[in-house]
Amino acid sequence: MRRISVVLLMLVLGACTSISYDLGDIAGPGPRFGDRDPHHWKSRTPWSYPVHGTDVAKYQNAVNWSKLRKEGLAFAFIKATEGGDRYDGRFEANWSGASRAGIPHGAYHFFYFCRPAIEQAAWFINHVPKERSSLPPVLDVEWNPASPTCRLHPDPETVRAEMKVFLDAVAEHYGKKPIIYTTVDFFEDNDLARFRAYPFWLRSVAAHPDDRYRGLPWVFWQYTGTGIVPGIEGDADLNTFNGGTDDWRKWLNANTT
């Protein structure tokens, strides 16, 4: 999810709304999607988990959400903001499209290390609707050496302190404990195991997350960034939920009502 978005104005978003999700279309286990650069899993494959979803940003262009629903994708995380002044140009279309298709969805914020966390939290809150039916908000923290505007590499204590500021502000506004998305190197560099009280969404494209993240409990696993999914143009990120379909229904009910 290393993306740089453009600044756009967005329409005023509604306050608390609610959507009832029909979960009858969740497909069973087994490979259902292609992969442009597949990893040959030796054990504990992503397909041992039945509930799969995606994450999208403007780089996927126009997403066909009804087709994603027909393909059995059960959830989606949608990029909303980055830093304190960048807004993903397709957020509004993706958010409304996922809603119309009945796909459970949430928003994520890409953290920028050259802007105070409290300003980034305010930017996210100003652009993402407060909806009981949405998935918990996500803080995406990873190194971004390709950034043309910020090469800052803070020490671990500063990283964790800034993360906590963002997480606390967003949790207070939305009334939900945020999810932390991260990568193996960022997790290790900053000792993010200290945040184990938070739900984690872990990127691990060459091994099971239990092997890469020292047994850290996780809720979502991003297992490829080169998936092929009807309804998404080009490479697609694919993720799985840590549990069966009954576990998913219980988790969804606990976090969206």
C-alpha atoms as a PDB file:
ATOM      1  CA  MET A   1       0.000   0.000   0.000  1.00  0.00           C
ATOM      2  CA  ARG A   2       2.908   2.330  -0.600  1.00  0.00           C
ATOM      3  CA  ARG A   3       1.001   4.991  -2.476  1.00  0.00           C
ATOM      4  CA  ILE A   4       1.047   8.775  -2.690  1.00  0.00           C
ATOM      5  CA  SER A   5      -2.398  10.259  -3.208  1.00  0.00           C
ATOM      6  CA  VAL A   6      -3.454  13.672  -4.487  1.00  0.00           C
ATOM      7  CA  VAL A   7      -5.255  16.406  -2.616  1.00  0.00           C
ATOM      8  CA  LEU A   8      -8.923  16.671  -3.476  1.00  0.00           C
ATOM      9  CA  LEU A   9     -11.876  18.316  -1.824  1.00  0.00           C
ATOM     10  CA  MET A  10     -14.628  15.943  -0.790  1.00  0.00           C
ATOM     11  CA  LEU A  11     -18.319  16.344  -0.205  1.00  0.00           C
ATOM     12  CA  VAL A  12     -19.654  16.611   3.315  1.00  0.00           C
ATOM     13  CA  LEU A  13     -20.064  13.090   4.678  1.00  0.00           C
ATOM     14  CA  GLY A  14     -22.998  11.892   6.712  1.00  0.00           C
ATOM     15  CA  ALA A  15     -22.892  11.130  10.407  1.00  0.00           C
ATOM     16  CA  CYS A  16     -23.918   7.799  11.923  1.00  0.00           C
ATOM     17  CA  THR A  17     -25.614   5.444   9.485  1.00  0.00           C
ATOM     18  CA  SER A  18     -26.111   1.704   9.485  1.00  0.00           C
ATOM     19  CA  ILE A  19     -26.061  -1.071   6.896  1.00  0.00           C
ATOM     20  CA  SER A  20     -27.246  -4.645   7.356  1.00  0.00           C
ATOM     21  CA  TYR A  21     -24.915  -7.075   5.583  1.00  0.00           C
ATOM     22  CA  ASP A  22     -26.091 -10.270   3.910  1.00  0.00           C
ATOM     23  CA  LEU A  23     -23.214 -12.705   4.378  1.00  0.00           C
ATOM     24  CA  GLY A  24     -24.673 -15.537   2.360  1.00  0.00           C
ATOM     25  CA  ASP A  25     -22.239 -15.131  -0.549  1.00  0.00           C
ATOM     26  CA  ILE A  26     -19.046 -15.984   1.351  1.00  0.00           C
ATOM     27  CA  ALA A  27     -17.321 -18.742  -0.590  1.00  0.00           C
ATOM     28  CA  GLY A  28     -15.703 -21.773   0.974  1.00  0.00           C
ATOM     29  CA  PRO A  29     -11.953 -22.503   1.172  1.00  0.00           C
ATOM     30  CA  GLY A  30      -9.825 -23.222  -1.875  1.00  0.00           C
ATOM     31  CA  PRO A  31      -7.981 -21.000  -4.381  1.00  0.00           C
ATOM     32  CA  ARG A  32     -10.482 -18.786  -6.180  1.00  0.00           C
ATOM     33  CA  PHE A  33      -8.302 -15.936  -7.441  1.00  0.00           C
ATOM     34  CA  GLY A  34      -5.339 -15.813  -9.772  1.00  0.00           C
ATOM     35  CA  ASP A  35      -1.974 -14.284  -8.949  1.00  0.00           C
ATOM     36  CA  ARG A  36       0.431 -12.640 -11.371  1.00  0.00           C
ATOM     37  CA  ASP A  37       3.396 -13.594  -9.175  1.00  0.00           C
ATOM     38  CA  PRO A  38       2.198 -16.489  -7.007  1.00  0.00           C
ATOM     39  CA  HIS A  39       4.032 -17.758  -3.960  1.00  0.00           C
ATOM     40  CA  HIS A  40       4.203 -21.521  -3.575  1.00  0.00           C
ATOM     41  CA  TRP A  41       2.987 -22.035  -0.036  1.00  0.00           C
ATOM     42  CA  LYS A  42       4.443 -25.025   1.772  1.00  0.00           C
ATOM     43  CA  SER A  43       2.069 -25.121   4.715  1.00  0.00           C
ATOM     44  CA  ARG A  44      -0.730 -23.089   6.322  1.00  0.00           C
ATOM     45  CA  THR A  45      -1.776 -21.496   3.072  1.00  0.00           C
ATOM     46  CA  PRO A  46      -4.077 -18.493   2.810  1.00  0.00           C
ATOM     47  CA  TRP A  47      -6.674 -20.873   1.390  1.00  0.00           C
ATOM     48  CA  SER A  48      -6.972 -22.703   4.677  1.00  0.00           C
ATOM     49  CA  TYR A  49      -9.040 -19.658   5.691  1.00  0.00           C
ATOM     50  CA  PRO A  50     -12.447 -19.261   4.026  1.00  0.00           C
ATOM     51  CA  VAL A  51     -13.041 -15.499   4.375  1.00  0.00           C
ATOM     52  CA  HIS A  52     -11.140 -13.329   1.894  1.00  0.00           C
ATOM     53  CA  GLY A  53     -11.201  -9.647   1.016  1.00  0.00           C
ATOM     54  CA  THR A  54      -9.233  -6.874  -0.644  1.00  0.00           C
ATOM     55  CA  ASP A  55      -7.929  -3.361  -0.093  1.00  0.00           C
ATOM     56  CA  VAL A  56      -8.076  -0.647  -2.721  1.00  0.00           C
ATOM     57  CA  ALA A  57      -6.937   2.867  -3.506  1.00  0.00           C
ATOM     58  CA  LYS A  58      -7.136   5.174  -6.506  1.00  0.00           C
ATOM     59  CA  TYR A  59      -4.515   3.074  -8.289  1.00  0.00           C
ATOM     60  CA  GLN A  60      -7.074   0.333  -8.886  1.00  0.00           C
ATOM     61  CA  ASN A  61      -9.091   2.879 -10.881  1.00  0.00           C
ATOM     62  CA  ALA A  62     -12.842   2.189 -11.098  1.00  0.00           C
ATOM     63  CA  VAL A  63     -13.651  -0.919  -9.054  1.00  0.00           C
ATOM     64  CA  ASN A  64     -16.648  -3.038 -10.057  1.00  0.00           C
ATOM     65  CA  TRP A  65     -18.008  -3.658  -6.576  1.00  0.00           C
ATOM     66  CA  SER A  66     -20.982  -5.764  -7.611  1.00  0.00           C
ATOM     67  CA  LYS A  67     -18.588  -8.091  -9.441  1.00  0.00           C
ATOM     68  CA  LEU A  68     -16.394  -8.340  -6.337  1.00  0.00           C
ATOM     69  CA  ARG A  69     -19.455  -9.362  -4.375  1.00  0.00           C
ATOM     70  CA  LYS A  70     -20.265 -12.059  -6.944  1.00  0.00           C
ATOM     71  CA  GLU A  71     -16.667 -13.299  -6.743  1.00  0.00           C
ATOM     72  CA  GLY A  72     -17.153 -13.935  -3.034  1.00  0.00           C
ATOM     73  CA  LEU A  73     -15.001 -11.180  -1.561  1.00  0.00           C
ATOM     74  CA  ALA A  74     -16.255 -10.686   1.975  1.00  0.00           C
ATOM     75  CA  PHE A  75     -14.683  -7.367   2.998  1.00  0.00           C
ATOM     76  CA  ALA A  76     -12.682  -4.399   1.743  1.00  0.00           C
ATOM     77  CA  PHE A  77     -10.425  -1.766   3.218  1.00  0.00           C
ATOM     78  CA  ILE A  78     -10.421   1.503   1.282  1.00  0.00           C
ATOM     79  CA  LYS A  79      -7.695   4.126   1.327  1.00  0.00           C
ATOM     80  CA  ALA A  80      -9.027   7.455   2.537  1.00  0.00           C
ATOM     81  CA  THR A  81      -6.158   9.704   3.568  1.00  0.00           C
ATOM     82  CA  GLU A  82      -2.405  10.100   3.819  1.00  0.00           C
ATOM     83  CA  GLY A  83      -0.500  12.463   6.057  1.00  0.00           C
ATOM     84  CA  GLY A  84      -2.331  15.654   6.913  1.00  0.00           C
ATOM     85  CA  ASP A  85      -3.285  16.962   3.484  1.00  0.00           C
ATOM     86  CA  ARG A  86      -3.689  14.080   1.024  1.00  0.00           C
ATOM     87  CA  TYR A  87      -7.034  12.522   0.164  1.00  0.00           C
ATOM     88  CA  ASP A  88      -7.464   9.504  -2.091  1.00  0.00           C
ATOM     89  CA  GLY A  89      -9.328  10.614  -5.187  1.00  0.00           C
ATOM     90  CA  ARG A  90     -11.419   7.447  -5.426  1.00  0.00           C
ATOM     91  CA  PHE A  91     -12.353   7.134  -1.758  1.00  0.00           C
ATOM     92  CA  GLU A  92     -15.881   8.468  -2.054  1.00  0.00           C
ATOM     93  CA  ALA A  93     -16.674   6.329  -5.117  1.00  0.00           C
ATOM     94  CA  ASN A  94     -15.180   3.226  -3.510  1.00  0.00           C
ATOM     95  CA  TRP A  95     -16.962   3.819  -0.212  1.00  0.00           C
ATOM     96  CA  SER A  96     -20.371   4.253  -1.811  1.00  0.00           C
ATOM     97  CA  GLY A  97     -19.728   1.395  -4.260  1.00  0.00           C
ATOM     98  CA  ALA A  98     -18.897  -1.054  -1.486  1.00  0.00           C
ATOM     99  CA  SER A  99     -21.978   0.096   0.419  1.00  0.00           C
ATOM    100  CA  ARG A 100     -24.278  -0.462  -2.553  1.00  0.00           C
ATOM    101  CA  ALA A 101     -22.782  -3.915  -3.156  1.00  0.00           C
ATOM    102  CA  GLY A 102     -23.291  -4.875   0.482  1.00  0.00           C
ATOM    103  CA  ILE A 103     -19.599  -5.538   1.098  1.00  0.00           C
ATOM    104  CA  PRO A 104     -18.426  -4.795   4.655  1.00  0.00           C
ATOM    105  CA  HIS A 105     -15.806  -2.070   4.379  1.00  0.00           C
ATOM    106  CA  GLY A 106     -13.580   0.232   6.364  1.00  0.00           C
ATOM    107  CA  ALA A 107     -11.162   3.094   5.721  1.00  0.00           C
ATOM    108  CA  TYR A 108      -7.417   3.266   6.176  1.00  0.00           C
ATOM    109  CA  HIS A 109      -4.935   6.086   6.700  1.00  0.00           C
ATOM    110  CA  PHE A 110      -1.355   5.945   5.418  1.00  0.00           C
ATOM    111  CA  PHE A 111       0.884   7.469   8.094  1.00  0.00           C
ATOM    112  CA  TYR A 112       3.369  10.191   7.107  1.00  0.00           C
ATOM    113  CA  PHE A 113       6.330  10.726   9.422  1.00  0.00           C
ATOM    114  CA  CYS A 114       6.798  14.414   8.609  1.00  0.00           C
ATOM    115  CA  ARG A 115       3.430  15.523  10.007  1.00  0.00           C
ATOM    116  CA  PRO A 116       2.213  15.456  13.644  1.00  0.00           C
ATOM    117  CA  ALA A 117      -0.039  12.502  14.392  1.00  0.00           C
ATOM    118  CA  ILE A 118      -2.827  14.634  15.842  1.00  0.00           C
ATOM    119  CA  GLU A 119      -3.083  16.591  12.577  1.00  0.00           C
ATOM    120  CA  GLN A 120      -3.245  13.343  10.623  1.00  0.00           C
ATOM    121  CA  ALA A 121      -5.985  12.010  12.874  1.00  0.00           C
ATOM    122  CA  ALA A 122      -8.000  15.191  12.360  1.00  0.00           C
ATOM    123  CA  TRP A 123      -7.549  14.911   8.587  1.00  0.00           C
ATOM    124  CA  PHE A 124      -8.780  11.320   8.603  1.00  0.00           C
ATOM    125  CA  ILE A 125     -11.759  12.151  10.826  1.00  0.00           C
ATOM    126  CA  ASN A 126     -12.720  15.053   8.548  1.00  0.00           C
ATOM    127  CA  HIS A 127     -12.889  12.752   5.519  1.00  0.00           C
ATOM    128  CA  VAL A 128     -14.223   9.401   6.725  1.00  0.00           C
ATOM    129  CA  PRO A 129     -17.890   8.968   7.669  1.00  0.00           C
ATOM    130  CA  LYS A 130     -18.779   7.888  11.182  1.00  0.00           C
ATOM    131  CA  GLU A 131     -20.886   4.823  10.464  1.00  0.00           C
ATOM    132  CA  ARG A 132     -21.744   2.078  12.917  1.00  0.00           C
ATOM    133  CA  SER A 133     -21.818  -0.417  10.053  1.00  0.00           C
ATOM    134  CA  SER A 134     -18.277   0.256   8.824  1.00  0.00           C
ATOM    135  CA  LEU A 135     -15.282  -1.848   9.800  1.00  0.00           C
ATOM    136  CA  PRO A 136     -12.927  -0.326  12.387  1.00  0.00           C
ATOM    137  CA  PRO A 137     -10.584   2.362  11.035  1.00  0.00           C
ATOM    138  CA  VAL A 138      -7.070   1.295  10.071  1.00  0.00           C
ATOM    139  CA  LEU A 139      -3.712   2.947  10.714  1.00  0.00           C
ATOM    140  CA  ASP A 140      -1.253   1.881   7.998  1.00  0.00           C
ATOM    141  CA  VAL A 141       2.328   2.191   9.294  1.00  0.00           C
ATOM    142  CA  GLU A 142       5.265   1.180   7.116  1.00  0.00           C
ATOM    143  CA  TRP A 143       8.519   2.634   5.896  1.00  0.00           C
ATOM    144  CA  ASN A 144       8.181   4.556   2.647  1.00  0.00           C
ATOM    145  CA  PRO A 145      11.702   5.141   1.285  1.00  0.00           C
ATOM    146  CA  ALA A 146      10.282   6.141  -2.103  1.00  0.00           C
ATOM    147  CA  SER A 147       8.506   9.192  -0.681  1.00  0.00           C
ATOM    148  CA  PRO A 148       9.670  12.332  -2.519  1.00  0.00           C
ATOM    149  CA  THR A 149       8.746  14.604   0.388  1.00  0.00           C
ATOM    150  CA  CYS A 150       9.587  12.730   3.605  1.00  0.00           C
ATOM    151  CA  ARG A 151      12.635  10.546   4.231  1.00  0.00           C
ATOM    152  CA  LEU A 152      12.352  10.864   8.008  1.00  0.00           C
ATOM    153  CA  HIS A 153      13.131   7.642   9.881  1.00  0.00           C
ATOM    154  CA  PRO A 154      12.127   8.298  13.523  1.00  0.00           C
ATOM    155  CA  ASP A 155      13.402   6.258  16.446  1.00  0.00           C
ATOM    156  CA  PRO A 156      11.095   3.486  17.752  1.00  0.00           C
ATOM    157  CA  GLU A 157       9.976   5.439  20.816  1.00  0.00           C
ATOM    158  CA  THR A 158       8.868   8.369  18.657  1.00  0.00           C
ATOM    159  CA  VAL A 159       7.109   6.061  16.200  1.00  0.00           C
ATOM    160  CA  ARG A 160       5.142   4.329  18.942  1.00  0.00           C
ATOM    161  CA  ALA A 161       4.256   7.597  20.670  1.00  0.00           C
ATOM    162  CA  GLU A 162       2.932   9.122  17.450  1.00  0.00           C
ATOM    163  CA  MET A 163       0.997   5.970  16.641  1.00  0.00           C
ATOM    164  CA  LYS A 164      -0.647   6.095  20.063  1.00  0.00           C
ATOM    165  CA  VAL A 165      -1.730   9.703  19.530  1.00  0.00           C
ATOM    166  CA  PHE A 166      -3.402   8.800  16.236  1.00  0.00           C
ATOM    167  CA  LEU A 167      -4.984   5.605  17.567  1.00  0.00           C
ATOM    168  CA  ASP A 168      -6.415   7.316  20.640  1.00  0.00           C
ATOM    169  CA  ALA A 169      -7.929  10.205  18.680  1.00  0.00           C
ATOM    170  CA  VAL A 170      -9.527   7.954  16.074  1.00  0.00           C
ATOM    171  CA  ALA A 171     -10.820   5.490  18.668  1.00  0.00           C
ATOM    172  CA  GLU A 172     -12.468   8.291  20.611  1.00  0.00           C
ATOM    173  CA  HIS A 173     -14.205   9.668  17.517  1.00  0.00           C
ATOM    174  CA  TYR A 174     -15.447   6.415  15.979  1.00  0.00           C
ATOM    175  CA  GLY A 175     -16.010   4.469  19.176  1.00  0.00           C
ATOM    176  CA  LYS A 176     -14.047   1.502  17.801  1.00  0.00           C
ATOM    177  CA  LYS A 177     -10.558   0.209  18.525  1.00  0.00           C
ATOM    178  CA  PRO A 178      -8.523   0.861  15.348  1.00  0.00           C
ATOM    179  CA  ILE A 179      -6.700  -1.855  13.437  1.00  0.00           C
ATOM    180  CA  ILE A 180      -2.948  -1.574  12.831  1.00  0.00           C
ATOM    181  CA  TYR A 181      -1.657  -2.559   9.383  1.00  0.00           C
ATOM    182  CA  THR A 182       2.073  -3.099   9.131  1.00  0.00           C
ATOM    183  CA  THR A 183       4.943  -4.899   7.418  1.00  0.00           C
ATOM    184  CA  VAL A 184       7.560  -7.261   8.821  1.00  0.00           C
ATOM    185  CA  ASP A 185      10.444  -4.782   8.751  1.00  0.00           C
ATOM    186  CA  PHE A 186       8.457  -1.954  10.329  1.00  0.00           C
ATOM    187  CA  PHE A 187       7.097  -4.296  13.001  1.00  0.00           C
ATOM    188  CA  GLU A 188      10.591  -5.447  13.954  1.00  0.00           C
ATOM    189  CA  ASP A 189      12.266  -2.031  13.731  1.00  0.00           C
ATOM    190  CA  ASN A 190       9.742  -0.433  16.081  1.00  0.00           C
ATOM    191  CA  ASP A 191       8.859  -3.305  18.418  1.00  0.00           C
ATOM    192  CA  LEU A 192       5.168  -3.099  17.560  1.00  0.00           C
ATOM    193  CA  ALA A 193       4.520  -6.190  19.656  1.00  0.00           C
ATOM    194  CA  ARG A 194       3.946  -3.611  22.390  1.00  0.00           C
ATOM    195  CA  PHE A 195       0.641  -2.823  20.646  1.00  0.00           C
ATOM    196  CA  ARG A 196      -0.627  -6.387  20.915  1.00  0.00           C
ATOM    197  CA  ALA A 197      -3.781  -5.096  22.654  1.00  0.00           C
ATOM    198  CA  TYR A 198      -4.832  -3.765  19.229  1.00  0.00           C
ATOM    199  CA  PRO A 199      -6.125  -5.880  16.340  1.00  0.00           C
ATOM    200  CA  PHE A 200      -3.444  -6.375  13.685  1.00  0.00           C
ATOM    201  CA  TRP A 201      -3.609  -6.651   9.913  1.00  0.00           C
ATOM    202  CA  LEU A 202      -0.273  -8.111   8.843  1.00  0.00           C
ATOM    203  CA  ARG A 203       1.455  -8.173   5.469  1.00  0.00           C
ATOM    204  CA  SER A 204       3.309 -11.427   4.825  1.00  0.00           C
ATOM    205  CA  VAL A 205       3.589 -12.552   1.208  1.00  0.00           C
ATOM    206  CA  ALA A 206       6.130 -15.376   1.589  1.00  0.00           C
ATOM    207  CA  ALA A 207       5.230 -17.080   4.870  1.00  0.00           C
ATOM    208  CA  HIS A 208       2.408 -17.437   7.365  1.00  0.00           C
ATOM    209  CA  PRO A 209       2.231 -14.375   9.662  1.00  0.00           C
ATOM    210  CA  ASP A 210       2.747 -16.578  12.726  1.00  0.00           C
ATOM    211  CA  ASP A 211       6.216 -17.311  11.370  1.00  0.00           C
ATOM    212  CA  ARG A 212       7.077 -13.732  10.436  1.00  0.00           C
ATOM    213  CA  TYR A 213       5.627 -11.878  13.429  1.00  0.00           C
ATOM    214  CA  ARG A 214       6.710 -14.082  16.320  1.00  0.00           C
ATOM    215  CA  GLY A 215       3.274 -15.472  16.990  1.00  0.00           C
ATOM    216  CA  LEU A 216       1.573 -12.067  17.301  1.00  0.00           C
ATOM    217  CA  PRO A 217      -2.229 -12.459  17.333  1.00  0.00           C
ATOM    218  CA  TRP A 218      -3.716 -11.139  14.109  1.00  0.00           C
ATOM    219  CA  VAL A 219      -7.135 -10.520  12.592  1.00  0.00           C
ATOM    220  CA  PHE A 220      -6.295  -9.952   8.906  1.00  0.00           C
ATOM    221  CA  TRP A 221      -3.444 -11.246   6.743  1.00  0.00           C
ATOM    222  CA  GLN A 222      -2.426  -9.580   3.473  1.00  0.00           C
ATOM    223  CA  TYR A 223      -0.913 -12.478   1.552  1.00  0.00           C
ATOM    224  CA  THR A 224      -0.344 -11.009  -1.908  1.00  0.00           C
ATOM    225  CA  GLY A 225      -0.140  -7.704  -3.723  1.00  0.00           C
ATOM    226  CA  THR A 226      -0.333  -9.240  -7.185  1.00  0.00           C
ATOM    227  CA  GLY A 227      -3.716 -10.925  -7.107  1.00  0.00           C
ATOM    228  CA  ILE A 228      -5.999 -11.201 -10.120  1.00  0.00           C
ATOM    229  CA  VAL A 229      -9.622 -10.512  -9.237  1.00  0.00           C
ATOM    230  CA  PRO A 230     -12.486  -9.870 -11.665  1.00  0.00           C
ATOM    231  CA  GLY A 231     -13.738  -6.380 -10.912  1.00  0.00           C
ATOM    232  CA  ILE A 232     -10.305  -4.904 -10.117  1.00  0.00           C
ATOM    233  CA  GLU A 233      -8.085  -3.518 -12.855  1.00  0.00           C
ATOM    234  CA  GLY A 234      -4.460  -4.639 -12.572  1.00  0.00           C
ATOM    235  CA  ASP A 235      -2.826  -6.094  -9.480  1.00  0.00           C
ATOM    236  CA  ALA A 236      -5.065  -6.620  -6.468  1.00  0.00           C
ATOM    237  CA  ASP A 237      -4.166  -6.919  -2.801  1.00  0.00           C
ATOM    238  CA  LEU A 238      -5.741  -9.995  -1.245  1.00  0.00           C
ATOM    239  CA  ASN A 239      -6.326 -10.617   2.436  1.00  0.00           C
ATOM    240  CA  THR A 240      -7.858 -13.238   4.651  1.00  0.00           C
ATOM    241  CA  PHE A 241      -9.612 -13.140   8.007  1.00  0.00           C
ATOM    242  CA  ASN A 242      -8.192 -15.237  10.828  1.00  0.00           C
ATOM    243  CA  GLY A 243     -11.091 -17.598  11.423  1.00  0.00           C
ATOM    244  CA  GLY A 244     -13.960 -19.482   9.860  1.00  0.00           C
ATOM    245  CA  THR A 245     -17.238 -18.137   8.528  1.00  0.00           C
ATOM    246  CA  ASP A 246     -18.939 -18.332  11.921  1.00  0.00           C
ATOM    247  CA  ASP A 247     -16.001 -16.484  13.491  1.00  0.00           C
ATOM    248  CA  TRP A 248     -16.298 -13.833  10.787  1.00  0.00           C
ATOM    249  CA  ARG A 249     -19.987 -13.311  11.440  1.00  0.00           C
ATOM    250  CA  LYS A 250     -19.338 -12.951  15.162  1.00  0.00           C
ATOM    251  CA  TRP A 251     -16.451 -10.545  14.611  1.00  0.00           C
ATOM    252  CA  LEU A 252     -18.447  -8.496  12.132  1.00  0.00           C
ATOM    253  CA  ASN A 253     -21.412  -8.308  14.469  1.00  0.00           C
ATOM    254  CA  ALA A 254     -19.182  -7.214  17.347  1.00  0.00           C
ATOM    255  CA  ASN A 255     -17.451  -4.508  15.308  1.00  0.00           C
ATOM    256  CA  THR A 256     -20.182  -3.075  13.086  1.00  0.00           C
ATOM    257  CA  THR A 257     -23.224  -2.802  15.350  1.00  0.00           C
END
